[in-house]
Amino acid sequence: MWSYIIPIVTLLIGGVGGFFVGVYYLRKQLENMQNNPEMLQEMAKKMGYNLNKQQMQRAQQMMKKQKFRP
């Protein structure tokens, strides 16, 4: 019986822990992007967009208005 319960509980704990670590990492990256325009430009290029200065400023302002902290 324990040979079935322990792997299931371990899987659930690992999944929940991985989710929270992923959310923390994503929030940290978004906070860094707010302060670093080079990261924002790099992300836009990876998505296929080339932002000019005005668009970059607008994107930074939009990100600063967002609350990434709980």
N, C-alpha and C. Protein backbone atom coordinates (compact mmCIF):
# COMPACT_ATOMS: atom_id res chain seq x y z
N MET A 1 0.82 -1.19 0.00
CA MET A 1 0.00 0.00 0.00
C MET A 1 0.87 1.26 0.00
N TRP A 2 1.89 1.28 0.84
CA TRP A 2 2.76 2.45 0.90
C TRP A 2 3.55 2.63 -0.39
N SER A 3 3.76 1.56 -1.13
CA SER A 3 4.50 1.66 -2.39
C SER A 3 3.69 2.42 -3.45
N TYR A 4 2.39 2.58 -3.25
CA TYR A 4 1.56 3.38 -4.15
C TYR A 4 1.37 4.80 -3.64
N ILE A 5 1.26 4.96 -2.35
CA ILE A 5 0.97 6.27 -1.75
C ILE A 5 2.17 7.20 -1.85
N ILE A 6 3.36 6.72 -1.51
CA ILE A 6 4.55 7.58 -1.48
C ILE A 6 4.86 8.17 -2.86
N PRO A 7 4.86 7.41 -3.95
CA PRO A 7 5.14 8.04 -5.25
C PRO A 7 4.09 9.07 -5.66
N ILE A 8 2.83 8.81 -5.35
CA ILE A 8 1.78 9.76 -5.70
C ILE A 8 1.94 11.06 -4.91
N VAL A 9 2.19 10.94 -3.61
CA VAL A 9 2.39 12.13 -2.78
C VAL A 9 3.63 12.89 -3.23
N THR A 10 4.70 12.19 -3.55
CA THR A 10 5.93 12.82 -4.02
C THR A 10 5.68 13.56 -5.33
N LEU A 11 4.95 12.96 -6.25
CA LEU A 11 4.62 13.59 -7.51
C LEU A 11 3.82 14.87 -7.30
N LEU A 12 2.83 14.81 -6.42
CA LEU A 12 2.01 15.99 -6.14
C LEU A 12 2.84 17.11 -5.52
N ILE A 13 3.68 16.77 -4.54
CA ILE A 13 4.52 17.79 -3.89
C ILE A 13 5.50 18.39 -4.90
N GLY A 14 6.09 17.56 -5.74
CA GLY A 14 7.02 18.06 -6.76
C GLY A 14 6.33 18.96 -7.77
N GLY A 15 5.13 18.60 -8.17
CA GLY A 15 4.38 19.43 -9.13
C GLY A 15 4.02 20.78 -8.54
N VAL A 16 3.53 20.78 -7.31
CA VAL A 16 3.17 22.05 -6.65
C VAL A 16 4.42 22.90 -6.42
N GLY A 17 5.49 22.28 -5.95
CA GLY A 17 6.74 23.01 -5.73
C GLY A 17 7.30 23.57 -7.02
N GLY A 18 7.26 22.80 -8.09
CA GLY A 18 7.74 23.27 -9.39
C GLY A 18 6.92 24.43 -9.92
N PHE A 19 5.63 24.38 -9.70
CA PHE A 19 4.76 25.48 -10.13
C PHE A 19 5.14 26.78 -9.43
N PHE A 20 5.33 26.72 -8.11
CA PHE A 20 5.65 27.94 -7.37
C PHE A 20 7.04 28.46 -7.72
N VAL A 21 7.98 27.58 -7.96
CA VAL A 21 9.31 28.01 -8.38
C VAL A 21 9.22 28.68 -9.75
N GLY A 22 8.43 28.13 -10.66
CA GLY A 22 8.24 28.71 -11.99
C GLY A 22 7.60 30.09 -11.93
N VAL A 23 6.59 30.25 -11.09
CA VAL A 23 5.93 31.55 -10.94
C VAL A 23 6.92 32.57 -10.38
N TYR A 24 7.70 32.17 -9.39
CA TYR A 24 8.69 33.07 -8.80
C TYR A 24 9.71 33.51 -9.85
N TYR A 25 10.20 32.55 -10.65
CA TYR A 25 11.19 32.86 -11.68
C TYR A 25 10.61 33.80 -12.73
N LEU A 26 9.37 33.57 -13.16
CA LEU A 26 8.74 34.41 -14.16
C LEU A 26 8.54 35.83 -13.64
N ARG A 27 8.11 35.96 -12.40
CA ARG A 27 7.94 37.31 -11.82
C ARG A 27 9.28 38.04 -11.73
N LYS A 28 10.33 37.32 -11.36
CA LYS A 28 11.66 37.93 -11.26
C LYS A 28 12.10 38.44 -12.64
N GLN A 29 11.88 37.63 -13.69
CA GLN A 29 12.25 38.03 -15.04
C GLN A 29 11.47 39.26 -15.49
N LEU A 30 10.18 39.32 -15.18
CA LEU A 30 9.37 40.47 -15.57
C LEU A 30 9.80 41.72 -14.82
N GLU A 31 10.15 41.58 -13.54
CA GLU A 31 10.65 42.73 -12.78
C GLU A 31 11.97 43.22 -13.36
N ASN A 32 12.84 42.31 -13.76
CA ASN A 32 14.11 42.70 -14.37
C ASN A 32 13.89 43.40 -15.70
N MET A 33 12.90 42.97 -16.46
CA MET A 33 12.61 43.60 -17.74
C MET A 33 12.12 45.02 -17.59
N GLN A 34 11.45 45.30 -16.48
CA GLN A 34 10.97 46.67 -16.25
C GLN A 34 12.15 47.63 -16.15
N ASN A 35 13.24 47.19 -15.54
CA ASN A 35 14.38 48.06 -15.29
C ASN A 35 15.45 47.98 -16.36
N ASN A 36 15.37 46.99 -17.25
CA ASN A 36 16.42 46.77 -18.23
C ASN A 36 15.82 46.79 -19.63
N PRO A 37 15.94 47.92 -20.35
CA PRO A 37 15.33 47.99 -21.68
C PRO A 37 15.98 47.03 -22.69
N GLU A 38 17.23 46.64 -22.45
CA GLU A 38 17.87 45.70 -23.37
C GLU A 38 17.18 44.34 -23.34
N MET A 39 16.79 43.91 -22.14
CA MET A 39 16.07 42.63 -22.02
C MET A 39 14.73 42.70 -22.74
N LEU A 40 14.04 43.83 -22.61
CA LEU A 40 12.75 44.00 -23.26
C LEU A 40 12.92 43.99 -24.77
N GLN A 41 13.95 44.66 -25.27
CA GLN A 41 14.22 44.70 -26.71
C GLN A 41 14.56 43.29 -27.22
N GLU A 42 15.35 42.56 -26.45
CA GLU A 42 15.72 41.19 -26.84
C GLU A 42 14.49 40.28 -26.92
N MET A 43 13.59 40.42 -25.94
CA MET A 43 12.38 39.61 -25.95
C MET A 43 11.52 39.96 -27.17
N ALA A 44 11.41 41.24 -27.48
CA ALA A 44 10.62 41.66 -28.64
C ALA A 44 11.22 41.11 -29.93
N LYS A 45 12.54 41.12 -30.06
CA LYS A 45 13.18 40.59 -31.26
C LYS A 45 12.94 39.09 -31.39
N LYS A 46 12.95 38.37 -30.28
CA LYS A 46 12.69 36.93 -30.32
C LYS A 46 11.26 36.65 -30.76
N MET A 47 10.36 37.58 -30.46
CA MET A 47 8.97 37.42 -30.86
C MET A 47 8.72 37.93 -32.28
N GLY A 48 9.74 38.52 -32.89
CA GLY A 48 9.60 38.98 -34.27
C GLY A 48 9.26 40.45 -34.41
N TYR A 49 9.38 41.22 -33.34
CA TYR A 49 9.08 42.65 -33.39
C TYR A 49 10.36 43.45 -33.25
N ASN A 50 10.39 44.59 -33.92
CA ASN A 50 11.52 45.51 -33.78
C ASN A 50 10.96 46.82 -33.26
N LEU A 51 11.18 47.10 -31.99
CA LEU A 51 10.59 48.28 -31.35
C LEU A 51 11.49 49.50 -31.51
N ASN A 52 10.86 50.64 -31.84
CA ASN A 52 11.63 51.88 -31.84
C ASN A 52 11.59 52.48 -30.43
N LYS A 53 12.22 53.63 -30.23
CA LYS A 53 12.34 54.20 -28.87
C LYS A 53 10.98 54.52 -28.27
N GLN A 54 10.08 55.08 -29.08
CA GLN A 54 8.76 55.43 -28.56
C GLN A 54 7.98 54.19 -28.13
N GLN A 55 8.03 53.16 -28.94
CA GLN A 55 7.34 51.92 -28.59
C GLN A 55 7.96 51.28 -27.35
N MET A 56 9.29 51.38 -27.24
CA MET A 56 10.00 50.82 -26.09
C MET A 56 9.58 51.55 -24.81
N GLN A 57 9.50 52.87 -24.86
CA GLN A 57 9.08 53.64 -23.69
C GLN A 57 7.65 53.29 -23.30
N ARG A 58 6.79 53.14 -24.30
CA ARG A 58 5.39 52.80 -24.02
C ARG A 58 5.29 51.41 -23.38
N ALA A 59 6.09 50.47 -23.88
CA ALA A 59 6.07 49.13 -23.30
C ALA A 59 6.58 49.14 -21.86
N GLN A 60 7.63 49.91 -21.59
CA GLN A 60 8.15 49.99 -20.23
C GLN A 60 7.13 50.63 -19.29
N GLN A 61 6.44 51.67 -19.76
CA GLN A 61 5.42 52.30 -18.93
C GLN A 61 4.28 51.33 -18.62
N MET A 62 3.88 50.55 -19.62
CA MET A 62 2.83 49.56 -19.39
C MET A 62 3.27 48.51 -18.38
N MET A 63 4.52 48.09 -18.46
CA MET A 63 5.02 47.08 -17.52
C MET A 63 5.14 47.65 -16.12
N LYS A 64 5.49 48.92 -16.00
CA LYS A 64 5.62 49.52 -14.67
C LYS A 64 4.27 49.67 -13.99
N LYS A 65 3.21 49.83 -14.80
CA LYS A 65 1.88 49.94 -14.21
C LYS A 65 1.38 48.61 -13.66
N GLN A 66 1.90 47.49 -14.24
CA GLN A 66 1.49 46.17 -13.80
C GLN A 66 2.12 45.86 -12.43
N LYS A 67 1.39 45.13 -11.64
CA LYS A 67 1.90 44.70 -10.34
C LYS A 67 2.30 43.24 -10.43
N PHE A 68 3.60 42.94 -10.41
CA PHE A 68 4.07 41.57 -10.49
C PHE A 68 4.32 40.97 -9.12
N ARG A 69 4.24 41.76 -8.11
CA ARG A 69 4.44 41.25 -6.75
C ARG A 69 3.09 40.91 -6.15
N PRO A 70 3.03 39.88 -5.33
CA PRO A 70 1.74 39.48 -4.74
C PRO A 70 1.24 40.48 -3.72
